[in-house]
Protein backbone atom coordinates (compact mmCIF):
# COMPACT_ATOMS: atom_id res chain seq x y z
CA MET A 1 50.15 -86.68 61.32
CA LYS A 2 49.51 -86.30 57.62
CA ARG A 3 46.15 -84.74 56.79
CA LEU A 4 43.56 -86.49 54.63
CA SER A 5 40.95 -84.45 52.78
CA VAL A 6 38.10 -86.21 50.97
CA TYR A 7 35.91 -84.54 48.34
CA LEU A 8 32.19 -85.32 48.13
CA MET A 9 29.61 -83.83 45.77
CA ALA A 10 26.59 -82.29 47.51
CA GLY A 11 23.50 -84.46 47.20
CA PRO A 12 20.76 -86.11 49.25
CA GLU A 13 23.10 -88.92 50.27
CA THR A 14 26.05 -86.68 51.20
CA PRO A 15 25.48 -86.34 54.98
CA GLU A 16 25.58 -90.12 55.38
CA LEU A 17 28.61 -90.38 53.09
CA ALA A 18 30.34 -87.66 55.10
CA GLU A 19 29.85 -89.67 58.29
CA ALA A 20 31.36 -92.70 56.58
CA ALA A 21 34.37 -90.74 55.31
CA VAL A 22 35.07 -89.36 58.77
CA ALA A 23 34.67 -92.82 60.30
CA GLY A 24 37.28 -94.02 57.81
CA GLY A 25 39.76 -91.37 58.90
CA ALA A 26 39.15 -88.19 56.88
CA ASP A 27 40.44 -85.07 58.65
CA LEU A 28 38.46 -82.65 56.54
CA LEU A 29 35.84 -82.77 53.82
CA GLU A 30 35.58 -80.75 50.64
CA PHE A 31 31.95 -80.24 49.74
CA GLY A 32 31.28 -79.86 46.02
CA PHE A 33 28.64 -77.36 44.92
CA PRO A 34 27.77 -78.54 41.39
CA PHE A 35 28.32 -76.20 38.47
CA SER A 36 27.27 -76.57 34.84
CA ASP A 37 30.72 -75.77 33.40
CA PRO A 38 33.35 -77.11 35.85
CA LEU A 39 36.55 -76.40 33.95
CA ALA A 40 38.89 -77.90 36.56
CA ASP A 41 37.00 -81.17 36.89
CA GLY A 42 37.52 -84.42 35.06
CA PRO A 43 34.80 -86.82 33.90
CA VAL A 44 34.00 -88.45 37.26
CA ILE A 45 33.31 -85.21 39.12
CA ARG A 46 31.62 -83.68 36.08
CA LEU A 47 29.22 -86.62 36.00
CA ALA A 48 28.66 -86.35 39.76
CA GLY A 49 27.82 -82.68 39.28
CA GLU A 50 25.36 -83.53 36.55
CA ARG A 51 23.68 -86.07 38.83
CA ALA A 52 23.50 -83.51 41.62
CA LEU A 53 21.97 -80.86 39.36
CA ALA A 54 19.42 -83.41 38.13
CA GLN A 55 18.52 -84.01 41.79
CA GLY A 56 17.82 -80.31 42.21
CA MET A 57 21.04 -79.41 44.03
CA ARG A 58 21.15 -75.68 43.44
CA THR A 59 22.93 -73.30 45.82
CA GLN A 60 20.23 -73.16 48.50
CA ALA A 61 19.79 -76.93 48.49
CA CYS A 62 23.55 -77.36 48.78
CA LEU A 63 23.65 -75.01 51.77
CA GLU A 64 20.88 -77.03 53.42
CA CYS A 65 22.81 -80.22 52.72
CA LEU A 66 25.92 -78.61 54.19
CA ALA A 67 24.01 -77.74 57.37
CA GLU A 68 22.71 -81.31 57.68
CA THR A 69 26.24 -82.62 57.19
CA ARG A 70 27.59 -80.26 59.84
CA ALA A 71 25.03 -81.66 62.29
CA ARG A 72 26.57 -85.11 61.77
CA VAL A 73 30.34 -84.45 61.64
CA GLU A 74 32.78 -82.20 63.46
CA VAL A 75 35.68 -82.07 60.98
CA PRO A 76 36.24 -78.96 58.85
CA LEU A 77 33.81 -78.67 55.92
CA ILE A 78 34.97 -76.67 52.93
CA PRO A 79 32.57 -75.93 50.06
CA MET A 80 34.39 -76.13 46.70
CA THR A 81 32.83 -74.40 43.73
CA TYR A 82 33.28 -71.81 40.98
CA ALA A 83 33.17 -68.03 40.90
CA SER A 84 30.01 -67.84 38.77
CA ILE A 85 27.97 -69.36 41.59
CA LEU A 86 29.29 -66.78 44.05
CA GLU A 87 28.66 -63.97 41.58
CA ALA A 88 25.07 -65.06 41.06
CA TYR A 89 24.43 -65.53 44.78
CA GLY A 90 26.56 -62.61 46.01
CA TYR A 91 30.10 -63.09 47.33
CA GLU A 92 29.54 -61.81 50.85
CA ARG A 93 26.11 -63.41 51.09
CA PHE A 94 27.50 -66.76 49.98
CA GLN A 95 30.30 -66.64 52.51
CA ALA A 96 27.94 -65.63 55.32
CA ASP A 97 25.36 -68.28 54.48
CA ALA A 98 28.01 -70.97 54.05
CA GLU A 99 29.51 -70.12 57.44
CA ALA A 100 26.04 -70.16 59.01
CA ALA A 101 25.53 -73.65 57.54
CA GLY A 102 28.79 -74.87 59.08
CA ALA A 103 31.48 -74.19 56.49
CA THR A 104 35.00 -73.75 57.82
CA SER A 105 36.35 -72.04 54.71
CA LEU A 106 35.82 -72.05 50.93
CA ILE A 107 37.62 -73.17 47.78
CA VAL A 108 36.75 -71.29 44.60
CA ALA A 109 38.59 -73.10 41.83
CA ASP A 110 38.65 -70.33 39.23
CA LEU A 111 38.84 -67.20 41.39
CA PRO A 112 42.20 -65.39 40.94
CA ILE A 113 44.27 -64.65 44.02
CA GLU A 114 43.64 -60.92 43.82
CA ALA A 115 39.89 -61.16 43.26
CA ALA A 116 37.35 -60.78 46.09
CA PRO A 117 39.94 -60.43 48.88
CA GLU A 118 37.08 -60.20 51.39
CA VAL A 119 36.19 -63.84 50.72
CA LYS A 120 38.17 -66.06 53.10
CA ARG A 121 39.27 -69.10 51.12
CA VAL A 122 41.91 -71.76 50.52
CA GLN A 123 44.11 -70.78 47.59
CA LEU A 124 45.22 -73.16 44.85
CA VAL A 125 48.58 -73.23 43.08
CA ALA A 126 49.79 -75.46 40.26
CA PRO A 127 53.09 -76.49 38.68
CA THR A 128 52.61 -73.64 36.20
CA THR A 129 52.19 -71.03 38.97
CA PRO A 130 55.25 -68.74 39.17
CA THR A 131 57.01 -68.82 42.54
CA GLU A 132 56.16 -65.20 43.32
CA ARG A 133 52.48 -66.02 42.90
CA VAL A 134 52.85 -69.14 45.05
CA LYS A 135 54.12 -66.82 47.77
CA LEU A 136 51.22 -64.40 47.20
CA ALA A 137 48.72 -67.26 47.36
CA ALA A 138 50.26 -68.58 50.57
CA GLU A 139 50.06 -65.16 52.17
CA GLY A 140 46.35 -64.94 51.37
CA THR A 141 45.29 -68.54 51.91
CA ASP A 142 43.03 -69.67 54.72
CA GLY A 143 44.85 -72.26 56.79
CA TRP A 144 46.54 -74.36 54.13
CA LEU A 145 47.64 -74.23 50.52
CA TYR A 146 46.09 -76.53 47.90
CA LEU A 147 48.77 -77.91 45.58
CA VAL A 148 47.32 -78.95 42.23
CA SER A 149 49.90 -81.63 41.54
CA LEU A 150 49.58 -81.72 37.76
CA THR A 151 48.66 -79.68 34.74
CA GLY A 152 45.14 -80.77 33.84
CA THR A 153 41.80 -81.64 35.35
CA THR A 154 40.82 -83.82 38.30
CA GLY A 155 40.78 -87.59 37.89
CA ALA A 156 42.69 -90.74 38.75
CA ARG A 157 46.11 -91.23 37.20
CA ALA A 158 48.44 -94.21 36.89
CA GLU A 159 51.08 -92.54 39.06
CA VAL A 160 51.71 -89.45 41.15
CA SER A 161 52.62 -86.47 39.01
CA SER A 162 56.36 -85.94 38.57
CA GLN A 163 55.61 -82.21 38.85
CA LEU A 164 54.58 -82.44 42.50
CA ALA A 165 58.06 -82.60 44.04
CA GLY A 166 59.15 -79.40 42.34
CA LEU A 167 55.97 -77.60 43.33
CA VAL A 168 56.37 -78.64 46.97
CA GLU A 169 60.00 -77.51 46.95
CA ARG A 170 59.09 -74.09 45.56
CA ALA A 171 56.21 -73.68 47.99
CA ARG A 172 58.28 -74.66 51.01
CA ALA A 173 60.86 -72.06 50.01
CA VAL A 174 58.35 -69.23 50.40
CA THR A 175 55.86 -70.34 53.09
CA ASP A 176 55.40 -72.36 56.26
CA VAL A 177 51.65 -73.00 55.80
CA PRO A 178 50.60 -76.66 55.47
CA LEU A 179 50.66 -78.01 51.92
CA LEU A 180 48.01 -80.49 50.78
CA ALA A 181 48.42 -82.12 47.38
CA GLY A 182 45.49 -83.08 45.18
CA PHE A 183 44.51 -84.04 41.61
CA GLY A 184 45.46 -87.49 40.35
CA ILE A 185 45.77 -89.23 43.74
CA SER A 186 43.54 -92.30 44.03
CA THR A 187 45.32 -95.34 45.50
CA PRO A 188 46.83 -95.93 48.96
CA ALA A 189 50.29 -96.20 47.39
CA GLN A 190 49.84 -92.86 45.61
CA ALA A 191 48.54 -91.33 48.83
CA ALA A 192 51.63 -92.41 50.72
CA GLU A 193 53.95 -91.19 47.98
CA ALA A 194 52.32 -87.77 47.72
CA ALA A 195 52.16 -87.38 51.49
CA SER A 196 55.87 -88.13 51.75
CA LEU A 197 56.37 -84.84 49.92
CA ALA A 198 53.48 -82.71 51.20
CA ASP A 199 51.73 -82.33 54.57
CA GLY A 200 48.66 -84.18 53.39
CA ILE A 201 46.56 -85.16 50.42
CA VAL A 202 43.22 -84.47 48.79
CA VAL A 203 41.33 -87.33 47.16
CA GLY A 204 38.36 -86.48 44.96
CA SER A 205 37.45 -88.47 41.87
CA ARG A 206 38.07 -91.95 43.27
CA ALA A 207 36.21 -91.11 46.50
CA VAL A 208 33.23 -89.86 44.50
CA GLU A 209 33.34 -92.99 42.33
CA VAL A 210 33.52 -95.37 45.30
CA ALA A 211 30.69 -93.56 47.08
CA HIS A 212 28.47 -93.69 44.00
CA GLU A 213 29.18 -97.34 43.25
CA GLY A 214 29.31 -98.80 46.76
CA GLY A 215 27.67 -96.39 49.16
CA PRO A 216 28.77 -95.36 52.67
CA GLU A 217 30.40 -98.61 53.77
CA ALA A 218 32.53 -98.87 50.63
CA LEU A 219 33.57 -95.24 51.08
CA ARG A 220 34.52 -95.83 54.71
CA GLU A 221 36.66 -98.80 53.73
CA TYR A 222 38.33 -96.85 50.93
CA VAL A 223 39.10 -93.85 53.14
CA ALA A 224 40.40 -96.20 55.83
CA SER A 225 42.82 -97.70 53.29
CA LEU A 226 44.14 -94.23 52.53
CA ARG A 227 44.49 -93.39 56.21
CA ALA A 228 46.34 -96.64 56.82
CA ALA A 229 48.72 -95.81 53.96
CA LEU A 230 49.38 -92.35 55.42
CA GLN A 231 50.04 -93.87 58.84
CA GLY A 232 52.20 -96.59 57.38
CA GLU A 233 50.37 -99.32 59.28
CA ALA A 234 47.06 -100.93 58.43
CA GLY A 235 46.52 -103.21 61.42
CA PRO A 236 45.42 -100.79 64.17
CA LEU A 237 43.20 -98.87 61.78
CA ARG A 238 41.42 -102.01 60.68
CA GLU A 239 40.83 -102.93 64.30
CA GLU A 240 39.41 -99.48 65.06
CA GLN A 241 37.21 -99.64 61.95
CA ALA A 242 35.90 -103.07 62.92
CA HIS A 243 35.10 -101.79 66.40
CA ALA A 244 33.30 -98.77 64.97
CA SER A 245 31.30 -101.00 62.63
CA ALA A 246 30.32 -103.30 65.48
CA SER A 247 29.13 -100.35 67.58
CA ASP A 248 27.05 -98.71 64.82
């Protein structure tokens, strides 16, 4: 089965949103720790980070939110942040405290492959990553390889990046680890197209937007539409979702 990862920004409402995303069919959750200068993020996630910082979501608060989320869901939880936060907090301390709070792994968007090898994390590669470095990243990644499907920041796009197919082909030539594609995937049709190439997808900006605008139920419905697209059949999923809603 294709894997579905959903990104949520840490905040007071995140534990409830996480429950909704899992109810909709998310296999794993990326847990954003807000940062003041998020170079990889587009406007939606930047704004979500600003809202989180305004709510007081610093590192310790994010770890507490992570622990509360872990108490509610059983899927893998993967904090996603930037190296400056780990440097300020302490790399080993951050990893230990994140694991104690329920983290399964980490994603550090701007940490080079060779840096901090003691920090267990999911590695990212992009269309501009040379094949030898794709291989190096795959050898050091924790569980799966994050394929950044385009050159640029996060955010919805009109279509799946034409660069993704080539990146998947190069990655498959050098590794057998699962490949999850992210950046620019927002609609069920895009999810299905990207998943036809990779082993799963990551959806961030649109999930954050839906959660902010419509709350947990809207997020559950949106994630369910992605899951249905990955399964290729919407009927059974809708029935399961309706049953879950009725039993809540």
